[in-house]
Amino acid sequence: MVFTIGFCVNYLLMGLSRYGYMLPIPTSMHVELVYVVLIIYGASHAKKWGTSASRAMGSMIGIYLAWTIYSTIEFINVSSNIDFSTIVTRWLAEYRTMTLQVFWVFIVNGLFFKRNEQVRAMYRIWAFLTIAAVLWGLRQQFMGFDRSEWAWLLAIGMKTHFVNGIIRYFSFFSEAANYGCCMGASAVVFGVLFLTTSSSKRDRLIFGIAAVAALYGMMASGARAAIFVLAAGLMAYCVISKRVSTLIATAALGGVFIGFLMFTQIGQGNPMIRRMRSAFNKEDNSLAVREINKATMKRYIDALPFGLGAGIRNNDVPPSNKNYYLATVPPDSTWVYVDIHYGHLGRLLFLLSFGGMIAIAGSKVLFKIKDKELSGQMAAIVAGSFAMFVAGYANQIMLQFPNAWLFFGNLSLVALAEEMEQQIEADKSKARGELMAEEMAQAANSIYPLERKKAMQHT
């Protein structure tokens, strides 16, 4: 129950903040308080459960250290030429989000997860939250925005959520791009679980419904990048699954869908389809503006080998400062954001660390895990993580709530999978032993009464 509450708080945090259901502390600190509570609770039960905080680290922690060390020393980056106290304050706020989030989840998972049934229960909670998010988005679509949502739109989101006569829905997420990309990656996760879950028809049904709901939410968000997020996740699963037939079928379906968007005008009257189709329009104005911004930013970034500084905001840099433009221009993607604030080296380490964790987890699923259902559970999170990693190329949502926990922190579950598989084999051996003992007892009961009867007759 404690874990469930923490998991739900992480998922619902942005929606809760929009409606003012928050403590008077920074938004991210609410989840950090949840992490602390979970760690204290898990540590107090670790001996009883046979768990430890280090179990989920595995080989991933080594590759993640590269980004951790670099982002840690960023507090001495004075490239922005502003007050050092501001640099440290901004660094501390960003460090918790860009680096520590994943470590927190590693520790929590190491303390709480012991068996594959627990992983499936986590997926079940995630599925219900996904369905709830889509239902909330449907409420926005068919009943309209409520007062809090209108207030947010008027203050921040009007320009990005009413585009060419198309309304982009965002459910209780931070904004539509985050909603759409999370739904796209979630559709991959639950699609894989639907295909690989065999021990529970109920769970398979739940995962199937969540996958379909997530697909609808993705389209309703109007997040064009979500198409490529979905495609990337599905292709990742095809590789991990080692099934040529699955790879061919997925590539064929994906080709048909992309061809439908690129080369036909079918469904053009539907705003969701029209928005998705614009992702392939090279003359789209918003895409052109992005390319211009990237080209301009590159000149400034090249002059800052360590970036502008972690978390530096536009109001931190005065207009007279040569880096003012870089502090004010919208980065539009996580990868570009890291490039701006941490420099080219920082972006390289960021991509190598997160991409490396996905690669290591994928290789474990590919070569280590033999149990089909457990392999499916782990393949789902690897494919979803790769999908969200690709989403970081197009939108600044990669480590926003709830994505860091769902798609990157949960990669640590793959590090626990071999231990879980041993437990599965032990349970199967125990079950076989109990079945054999039961069969022998039944055989004995059917033979011994007959022998006793013969003995009594002889007497």
Protein backbone atom coordinates (compact mmCIF):
# COMPACT_ATOMS: atom_id res chain seq x y z
CA MET A 1 0.00 0.00 0.00
CA VAL A 2 2.84 2.42 0.83
CA PHE A 3 4.47 1.77 -2.53
CA THR A 4 1.15 2.18 -4.35
CA ILE A 5 0.54 5.58 -2.76
CA GLY A 6 4.04 6.76 -3.69
CA PHE A 7 3.71 5.49 -7.25
CA CYS A 8 0.37 7.26 -7.67
CA VAL A 9 1.67 10.53 -6.22
CA ASN A 10 4.48 10.53 -8.79
CA TYR A 11 1.96 9.93 -11.60
CA LEU A 12 -0.60 12.49 -10.44
CA LEU A 13 1.78 15.16 -9.19
CA MET A 14 1.36 17.66 -12.03
CA GLY A 15 -2.41 17.37 -11.93
CA LEU A 16 -2.45 17.85 -8.18
CA SER A 17 -0.27 20.95 -8.49
CA ARG A 18 -2.63 22.45 -11.08
CA TYR A 19 -5.50 22.21 -8.61
CA GLY A 20 -3.49 23.48 -5.66
CA TYR A 21 -3.43 20.21 -3.67
CA MET A 22 0.18 20.72 -2.65
CA LEU A 23 2.30 21.58 0.35
CA PRO A 24 3.94 25.03 0.25
CA ILE A 25 7.22 23.59 -1.07
CA PRO A 26 8.68 23.16 -4.60
CA THR A 27 6.79 20.65 -6.74
CA SER A 28 9.62 18.15 -7.08
CA MET A 29 10.10 17.99 -3.32
CA HIS A 30 6.71 16.28 -2.92
CA VAL A 31 7.97 13.23 -4.77
CA GLU A 32 11.29 13.43 -2.94
CA LEU A 33 9.37 13.24 0.33
CA VAL A 34 7.60 10.18 -1.07
CA TYR A 35 10.98 8.63 -1.91
CA VAL A 36 12.23 9.25 1.62
CA VAL A 37 9.13 7.67 3.17
CA LEU A 38 9.38 4.66 0.83
CA ILE A 39 13.08 4.19 1.56
CA ILE A 40 12.59 4.41 5.33
CA TYR A 41 9.66 1.99 5.18
CA GLY A 42 11.48 -0.40 2.84
CA ALA A 43 14.70 -0.29 4.86
CA SER A 44 12.78 -1.11 8.06
CA HIS A 45 11.36 -4.24 6.37
CA ALA A 46 14.43 -5.15 4.29
CA LYS A 47 15.62 -7.94 6.60
CA LYS A 48 12.18 -9.52 6.69
CA TRP A 49 11.75 -9.26 2.91
CA GLY A 50 15.32 -10.31 2.09
CA THR A 51 16.00 -7.12 0.12
CA SER A 52 18.57 -4.32 0.13
CA ALA A 53 18.99 -0.86 -1.37
CA SER A 54 21.88 -1.94 -3.59
CA ARG A 55 20.16 -4.91 -5.29
CA ALA A 56 18.65 -2.88 -8.12
CA MET A 57 21.82 -1.02 -9.03
CA GLY A 58 23.41 -3.85 -11.00
CA SER A 59 25.68 -3.02 -13.91
CA MET A 60 23.60 0.07 -14.79
CA ILE A 61 24.95 2.15 -11.96
CA GLY A 62 28.44 2.14 -13.50
CA ILE A 63 27.38 3.70 -16.77
CA TYR A 64 25.02 6.14 -15.05
CA LEU A 65 27.92 7.43 -12.94
CA ALA A 66 29.38 9.24 -15.95
CA TRP A 67 26.39 11.58 -16.12
CA THR A 68 26.13 11.74 -12.33
CA ILE A 69 29.71 12.92 -11.85
CA TYR A 70 29.49 15.46 -14.65
CA SER A 71 26.17 16.91 -13.48
CA THR A 72 27.52 17.05 -9.92
CA ILE A 73 30.51 19.23 -10.81
CA GLU A 74 28.31 21.54 -12.88
CA PHE A 75 27.76 23.67 -9.76
CA ILE A 76 31.17 25.24 -10.41
CA ASN A 77 30.25 26.17 -13.99
CA VAL A 78 30.46 29.97 -14.13
CA SER A 79 30.11 30.26 -17.91
CA SER A 80 26.92 32.29 -17.60
CA ASN A 81 28.84 35.14 -15.91
CA ILE A 82 26.21 35.65 -13.20
CA ASP A 83 26.17 35.61 -9.41
CA PHE A 84 27.67 32.39 -8.00
CA SER A 85 24.96 32.00 -5.36
CA THR A 86 22.36 31.97 -8.14
CA ILE A 87 24.38 29.34 -10.01
CA VAL A 88 24.50 27.03 -6.96
CA THR A 89 20.81 27.55 -6.13
CA ARG A 90 19.72 26.73 -9.69
CA TRP A 91 22.09 23.78 -9.85
CA LEU A 92 20.70 22.25 -6.65
CA ALA A 93 17.11 22.54 -7.88
CA GLU A 94 17.98 20.97 -11.23
CA TYR A 95 20.31 18.30 -9.89
CA ARG A 96 17.46 16.72 -7.96
CA THR A 97 15.39 16.40 -11.13
CA MET A 98 17.99 15.64 -13.78
CA THR A 99 20.11 13.20 -11.79
CA LEU A 100 18.85 12.12 -8.37
CA GLN A 101 15.36 11.05 -9.50
CA VAL A 102 16.69 7.91 -11.12
CA PHE A 103 18.88 7.02 -8.14
CA TRP A 104 15.93 7.34 -5.79
CA VAL A 105 13.92 4.84 -7.82
CA PHE A 106 16.87 2.44 -8.00
CA ILE A 107 16.96 2.37 -4.21
CA VAL A 108 13.18 2.05 -3.82
CA ASN A 109 12.96 -0.82 -6.32
CA GLY A 110 15.84 -2.63 -4.65
CA LEU A 111 13.98 -2.49 -1.33
CA PHE A 112 10.48 -3.33 -2.54
CA PHE A 113 10.76 -5.79 -5.45
CA LYS A 114 11.52 -9.45 -4.85
CA ARG A 115 9.17 -11.43 -7.11
CA ASN A 116 7.79 -11.07 -10.62
CA GLU A 117 4.23 -10.98 -9.23
CA GLN A 118 5.13 -7.65 -7.64
CA VAL A 119 6.29 -6.32 -11.01
CA ARG A 120 3.01 -7.33 -12.60
CA ALA A 121 1.11 -5.64 -9.75
CA MET A 122 3.08 -2.44 -10.44
CA TYR A 123 2.15 -2.66 -14.11
CA ARG A 124 -1.48 -3.14 -13.10
CA ILE A 125 -1.43 0.09 -11.07
CA TRP A 126 0.25 1.86 -13.98
CA ALA A 127 -2.43 0.56 -16.36
CA PHE A 128 -5.25 1.91 -14.18
CA LEU A 129 -3.49 5.28 -13.94
CA THR A 130 -3.11 5.34 -17.74
CA ILE A 131 -6.80 4.62 -18.23
CA ALA A 132 -7.64 7.33 -15.68
CA ALA A 133 -5.43 9.81 -17.58
CA VAL A 134 -7.21 9.06 -20.85
CA LEU A 135 -10.64 9.34 -19.20
CA TRP A 136 -9.61 12.75 -17.84
CA GLY A 137 -8.54 13.74 -21.34
CA LEU A 138 -11.89 12.56 -22.73
CA ARG A 139 -13.62 14.74 -20.14
CA GLN A 140 -11.65 17.72 -21.48
CA GLN A 141 -12.49 16.80 -25.06
CA PHE A 142 -16.23 16.23 -24.69
CA MET A 143 -17.15 18.32 -21.62
CA GLY A 144 -14.62 21.13 -21.89
CA PHE A 145 -11.84 22.44 -19.67
CA ASP A 146 -12.57 23.27 -16.05
CA ARG A 147 -11.67 26.53 -14.33
CA SER A 148 -8.16 25.47 -13.24
CA GLU A 149 -7.32 24.17 -16.70
CA TRP A 150 -8.55 27.38 -18.35
CA ALA A 151 -6.46 29.41 -15.92
CA TRP A 152 -3.37 27.41 -16.89
CA LEU A 153 -4.15 27.70 -20.61
CA LEU A 154 -4.64 31.46 -20.44
CA ALA A 155 -1.48 31.95 -18.43
CA ILE A 156 0.88 29.56 -20.20
CA GLY A 157 -0.51 27.11 -22.70
CA MET A 158 -2.74 29.00 -25.13
CA LYS A 159 -0.18 29.36 -27.92
CA THR A 160 0.88 25.72 -27.84
CA HIS A 161 -2.48 24.04 -27.20
CA PHE A 162 -4.66 25.82 -29.77
CA VAL A 163 -2.80 25.28 -33.05
CA ASN A 164 -4.33 25.92 -36.49
CA GLY A 165 -7.82 25.40 -35.13
CA ILE A 166 -6.85 22.15 -33.39
CA ILE A 167 -7.21 21.77 -29.61
CA ARG A 168 -4.51 19.71 -27.95
CA TYR A 169 -5.62 17.89 -24.80
CA PHE A 170 -3.27 17.34 -21.87
CA SER A 171 -5.29 15.43 -19.24
CA PHE A 172 -3.71 15.95 -15.79
CA PHE A 173 -0.16 16.07 -17.20
CA SER A 174 2.08 19.13 -17.29
CA GLU A 175 1.16 19.82 -20.94
CA ALA A 176 0.10 18.07 -24.16
CA ALA A 177 3.55 16.97 -25.36
CA ASN A 178 4.27 15.24 -22.06
CA TYR A 179 0.83 13.61 -22.12
CA GLY A 180 1.15 12.45 -25.72
CA CYS A 181 4.67 11.06 -25.48
CA CYS A 182 3.94 9.33 -22.17
CA MET A 183 0.83 7.78 -23.71
CA GLY A 184 2.80 6.69 -26.79
CA ALA A 185 5.47 5.00 -24.68
CA SER A 186 2.80 3.53 -22.36
CA ALA A 187 0.99 2.08 -25.38
CA VAL A 188 4.21 0.24 -26.21
CA VAL A 189 4.56 -1.05 -22.64
CA PHE A 190 1.01 -2.35 -22.38
CA GLY A 191 0.97 -3.65 -25.92
CA VAL A 192 4.00 -5.81 -25.11
CA LEU A 193 2.44 -6.95 -21.83
CA PHE A 194 -0.78 -7.85 -23.65
CA LEU A 195 1.22 -10.04 -26.05
CA THR A 196 3.37 -11.73 -23.40
CA THR A 197 1.09 -12.16 -20.36
CA SER A 198 -0.32 -15.67 -20.24
CA SER A 199 -0.81 -16.57 -16.58
CA SER A 200 -3.72 -14.18 -15.94
CA LYS A 201 -6.53 -13.49 -18.41
CA ARG A 202 -7.71 -10.62 -16.20
CA ASP A 203 -4.35 -8.87 -16.30
CA ARG A 204 -4.06 -9.47 -20.05
CA LEU A 205 -7.44 -7.77 -20.52
CA ILE A 206 -6.40 -4.82 -18.32
CA PHE A 207 -3.16 -4.37 -20.28
CA GLY A 208 -5.01 -4.58 -23.60
CA ILE A 209 -7.50 -1.91 -22.56
CA ALA A 210 -4.66 0.32 -21.28
CA ALA A 211 -2.78 -0.05 -24.59
CA VAL A 212 -5.81 0.97 -26.67
CA ALA A 213 -6.65 3.83 -24.29
CA ALA A 214 -3.05 5.09 -24.41
CA LEU A 215 -3.12 5.10 -28.21
CA TYR A 216 -6.23 7.27 -28.18
CA GLY A 217 -4.71 9.62 -25.59
CA MET A 218 -1.58 9.92 -27.71
CA MET A 219 -3.61 11.05 -30.72
CA ALA A 220 -5.80 13.40 -28.69
CA SER A 221 -2.71 15.16 -27.34
CA GLY A 222 -1.70 16.32 -30.81
CA ALA A 223 1.93 15.50 -29.98
CA ARG A 224 3.34 14.79 -33.42
CA ALA A 225 6.54 13.34 -32.05
CA ALA A 226 4.49 10.64 -30.31
CA ILE A 227 4.15 8.81 -33.64
CA PHE A 228 7.92 8.31 -33.76
CA VAL A 229 7.96 7.50 -30.04
CA LEU A 230 5.47 4.70 -30.63
CA ALA A 231 7.37 3.42 -33.67
CA ALA A 232 10.72 3.46 -31.82
CA GLY A 233 9.30 1.50 -28.88
CA LEU A 234 7.71 -1.13 -31.11
CA MET A 235 10.90 -1.59 -33.12
CA ALA A 236 12.88 -1.95 -29.88
CA TYR A 237 10.54 -4.70 -28.75
CA CYS A 238 10.83 -6.46 -32.11
CA VAL A 239 14.61 -6.61 -31.69
CA ILE A 240 14.42 -7.81 -28.08
CA SER A 241 11.77 -10.43 -28.85
CA LYS A 242 14.09 -12.13 -31.40
CA ARG A 243 11.04 -12.94 -33.50
CA VAL A 244 11.54 -12.22 -37.19
CA SER A 245 7.81 -12.59 -37.84
CA THR A 246 7.02 -9.94 -35.22
CA LEU A 247 9.61 -7.60 -36.71
CA ILE A 248 8.23 -8.02 -40.24
CA ALA A 249 4.60 -7.64 -39.12
CA THR A 250 5.36 -4.52 -37.07
CA ALA A 251 7.40 -2.94 -39.87
CA ALA A 252 4.59 -3.66 -42.34
CA LEU A 253 1.88 -2.19 -40.10
CA GLY A 254 4.05 0.82 -39.32
CA GLY A 255 4.73 1.37 -43.00
CA VAL A 256 1.04 1.23 -43.82
CA PHE A 257 0.22 3.72 -41.06
CA ILE A 258 2.97 6.16 -42.08
CA GLY A 259 1.97 5.78 -45.71
CA PHE A 260 -1.62 6.55 -44.72
CA LEU A 261 -0.47 9.79 -43.11
CA MET A 262 2.07 10.82 -45.75
CA PHE A 263 0.42 9.93 -49.02
CA THR A 264 -3.34 10.16 -48.45
CA GLN A 265 -5.84 12.74 -47.29
CA ILE A 266 -8.15 10.18 -45.70
CA GLY A 267 -9.58 11.42 -42.40
CA GLN A 268 -8.29 14.96 -42.96
CA GLY A 269 -11.48 16.32 -41.44
CA ASN A 270 -10.58 14.75 -38.10
CA PRO A 271 -8.41 17.20 -36.12
CA MET A 272 -6.41 14.43 -34.42
CA ILE A 273 -5.48 12.81 -37.74
CA ARG A 274 -4.76 16.23 -39.27
CA ARG A 275 -2.38 17.05 -36.43
CA MET A 276 -0.59 13.68 -36.74
CA ARG A 277 -0.27 14.14 -40.50
CA SER A 278 1.43 17.53 -40.06
CA ALA A 279 4.42 15.70 -38.54
CA PHE A 280 5.38 14.70 -42.08
CA ASN A 281 4.84 18.13 -43.60
CA LYS A 282 8.27 19.61 -44.31
CA GLU A 283 6.72 23.03 -44.89
CA ASP A 284 5.05 23.15 -41.47
CA ASN A 285 5.74 26.56 -39.89
CA SER A 286 6.39 25.32 -36.36
CA LEU A 287 8.91 22.75 -37.60
CA ALA A 288 10.67 25.46 -39.63
CA VAL A 289 10.90 27.72 -36.57
CA ARG A 290 12.46 24.87 -34.58
CA GLU A 291 15.15 24.35 -37.19
CA ILE A 292 15.96 28.07 -37.25
CA ASN A 293 16.21 28.15 -33.44
CA LYS A 294 18.51 25.11 -33.42
CA ALA A 295 20.85 26.65 -35.97
CA THR A 296 21.01 29.91 -34.00
CA MET A 297 21.51 28.17 -30.66
CA LYS A 298 24.37 26.08 -32.00
CA ARG A 299 26.54 29.17 -32.52
CA TYR A 300 26.06 30.20 -28.89
CA ILE A 301 26.50 26.67 -27.50
CA ASP A 302 29.76 26.20 -29.40
CA ALA A 303 31.17 29.14 -27.43
CA LEU A 304 30.19 27.49 -24.09
CA PRO A 305 32.04 24.15 -23.77
CA PHE A 306 30.36 23.37 -20.42
CA GLY A 307 27.04 24.97 -21.25
CA LEU A 308 25.15 27.87 -19.75
CA GLY A 309 24.91 26.20 -16.36
CA ALA A 310 22.47 23.78 -14.76
CA GLY A 311 19.00 25.25 -14.31
CA ILE A 312 19.89 28.81 -15.33
CA ARG A 313 16.68 30.64 -16.28
CA ASN A 314 16.05 33.60 -18.54
CA ASN A 315 15.49 36.01 -15.66
CA ASP A 316 18.86 35.00 -14.17
CA VAL A 317 20.78 36.42 -17.13
CA PRO A 318 20.53 40.19 -17.72
CA PRO A 319 19.80 41.42 -21.28
CA SER A 320 23.28 42.95 -21.43
CA ASN A 321 24.85 39.51 -20.98
CA LYS A 322 26.11 37.86 -24.19
CA ASN A 323 24.35 34.61 -23.19
CA TYR A 324 20.94 36.23 -22.73
CA TYR A 325 19.55 34.80 -25.97
CA LEU A 326 20.54 31.26 -25.02
CA ALA A 327 18.79 31.63 -21.66
CA THR A 328 15.52 32.81 -23.22
CA VAL A 329 15.09 30.68 -26.36
CA PRO A 330 12.80 27.62 -25.90
CA PRO A 331 14.95 24.46 -26.23
CA ASP A 332 11.98 22.35 -27.47
CA SER A 333 13.65 19.05 -26.51
CA THR A 334 15.44 17.40 -23.61
CA TRP A 335 18.51 16.74 -25.75
CA VAL A 336 18.78 20.39 -26.79
CA TYR A 337 18.08 21.52 -23.22
CA VAL A 338 21.01 19.46 -21.95
CA ASP A 339 23.17 20.81 -24.78
CA ILE A 340 22.34 24.40 -23.75
CA HIS A 341 22.87 23.97 -20.02
CA TYR A 342 25.63 21.35 -19.91
CA GLY A 343 27.46 21.82 -23.21
CA HIS A 344 28.32 19.32 -25.93
CA LEU A 345 30.26 17.09 -23.52
CA GLY A 346 27.35 17.08 -21.11
CA ARG A 347 24.94 16.07 -23.83
CA LEU A 348 27.26 13.26 -24.94
CA LEU A 349 27.50 11.88 -21.38
CA PHE A 350 23.76 12.28 -20.86
CA LEU A 351 22.93 10.31 -24.00
CA LEU A 352 25.58 7.66 -23.33
CA SER A 353 24.37 7.18 -19.76
CA PHE A 354 20.66 6.85 -20.46
CA GLY A 355 21.18 5.08 -23.77
CA GLY A 356 23.72 2.78 -22.12
CA MET A 357 21.30 1.79 -19.37
CA ILE A 358 18.69 0.91 -22.00
CA ALA A 359 21.26 -1.10 -23.98
CA ILE A 360 22.43 -3.03 -20.91
CA ALA A 361 18.85 -3.78 -19.87
CA GLY A 362 17.99 -4.84 -23.41
CA SER A 363 20.97 -7.19 -23.58
CA LYS A 364 19.89 -8.85 -20.31
CA VAL A 365 16.40 -9.43 -21.72
CA LEU A 366 17.88 -10.66 -24.99
CA PHE A 367 20.43 -13.11 -23.61
CA LYS A 368 19.88 -13.72 -19.87
CA ILE A 369 16.19 -14.09 -19.04
CA LYS A 370 14.65 -17.37 -20.16
CA ASP A 371 11.21 -17.33 -18.50
CA LYS A 372 8.81 -16.09 -21.17
CA GLU A 373 6.45 -14.08 -18.98
CA LEU A 374 9.22 -12.48 -16.94
CA SER A 375 11.05 -11.71 -20.18
CA GLY A 376 7.90 -10.02 -21.46
CA GLN A 377 7.63 -7.88 -18.33
CA MET A 378 11.23 -6.74 -18.70
CA ALA A 379 10.99 -6.26 -22.49
CA ALA A 380 8.00 -3.97 -21.91
CA ILE A 381 9.95 -1.54 -19.76
CA VAL A 382 13.02 -1.62 -22.03
CA ALA A 383 10.91 -0.88 -25.12
CA GLY A 384 9.00 1.86 -23.27
CA SER A 385 12.25 3.39 -22.01
CA PHE A 386 13.72 3.49 -25.49
CA ALA A 387 10.51 5.12 -26.74
CA MET A 388 10.76 7.84 -24.08
CA PHE A 389 14.47 8.26 -24.79
CA VAL A 390 13.58 9.01 -28.43
CA ALA A 391 10.87 11.39 -27.21
CA GLY A 392 13.64 13.43 -25.61
CA TYR A 393 14.92 14.28 -29.08
CA ALA A 394 11.72 16.15 -29.98
CA ASN A 395 10.25 17.38 -26.69
CA GLN A 396 11.52 18.55 -23.34
CA ILE A 397 9.66 15.85 -21.43
CA MET A 398 12.12 13.01 -20.95
CA LEU A 399 12.59 13.45 -17.18
CA GLN A 400 9.38 15.29 -16.38
CA PHE A 401 6.92 13.73 -13.96
CA PRO A 402 5.97 10.90 -14.13
CA ASN A 403 8.43 9.76 -16.81
CA ALA A 404 11.71 9.48 -14.87
CA TRP A 405 10.27 6.88 -12.49
CA LEU A 406 8.19 5.00 -15.07
CA PHE A 407 10.66 4.64 -17.89
CA PHE A 408 14.18 5.10 -16.50
CA GLY A 409 14.16 4.35 -12.78
CA ASN A 410 12.23 1.16 -13.54
CA LEU A 411 15.06 -0.07 -15.76
CA SER A 412 16.53 -1.22 -12.44
CA LEU A 413 13.87 -3.96 -12.39
CA VAL A 414 15.82 -5.67 -15.18
CA ALA A 415 18.81 -5.87 -12.83
CA LEU A 416 16.57 -7.81 -10.43
CA ALA A 417 15.14 -10.10 -13.11
CA GLU A 418 17.76 -12.87 -12.82
CA GLU A 419 17.08 -13.12 -9.10
CA MET A 420 13.35 -13.20 -9.81
CA GLU A 421 13.87 -15.95 -12.38
CA GLN A 422 15.69 -18.06 -9.81
CA GLN A 423 12.72 -17.61 -7.50
CA ILE A 424 10.36 -18.67 -10.31
CA GLU A 425 12.41 -21.84 -10.88
CA ALA A 426 12.46 -22.57 -7.15
CA ASP A 427 8.67 -22.17 -7.01
CA LYS A 428 8.27 -24.49 -10.00
CA SER A 429 10.55 -27.11 -8.42
CA LYS A 430 8.63 -26.87 -5.16
CA ALA A 431 5.34 -27.21 -7.02
CA ARG A 432 6.65 -30.26 -8.91
CA GLY A 433 7.85 -31.81 -5.65
CA GLU A 434 4.49 -31.22 -3.97
CA LEU A 435 2.66 -32.66 -6.98
CA MET A 436 4.91 -35.74 -6.98
CA ALA A 437 4.38 -36.23 -3.24
CA GLU A 438 0.61 -35.89 -3.69
CA GLU A 439 0.59 -38.44 -6.53
CA MET A 440 2.66 -40.87 -4.47
CA ALA A 441 0.31 -40.45 -1.51
CA GLN A 442 -2.71 -41.11 -3.72
CA ALA A 443 -1.02 -44.20 -5.17
CA ALA A 444 -0.19 -45.43 -1.70
CA ASN A 445 -3.75 -44.91 -0.49
CA SER A 446 -5.05 -46.91 -3.43
CA ILE A 447 -2.58 -49.81 -2.91
CA TYR A 448 -2.22 -50.16 0.85
CA PRO A 449 -5.95 -50.61 1.67
CA LEU A 450 -6.03 -53.51 -0.82
CA GLU A 451 -2.98 -55.13 0.76
CA ARG A 452 -4.47 -54.74 4.26
CA LYS A 453 -7.71 -56.32 3.08
CA LYS A 454 -5.82 -59.33 1.65
CA ALA A 455 -3.86 -59.69 4.89
CA MET A 456 -7.05 -59.68 6.98
CA GLN A 457 -8.63 -62.30 4.70
CA HIS A 458 -5.55 -64.50 5.03
CA THR A 459 -5.70 -64.19 8.82
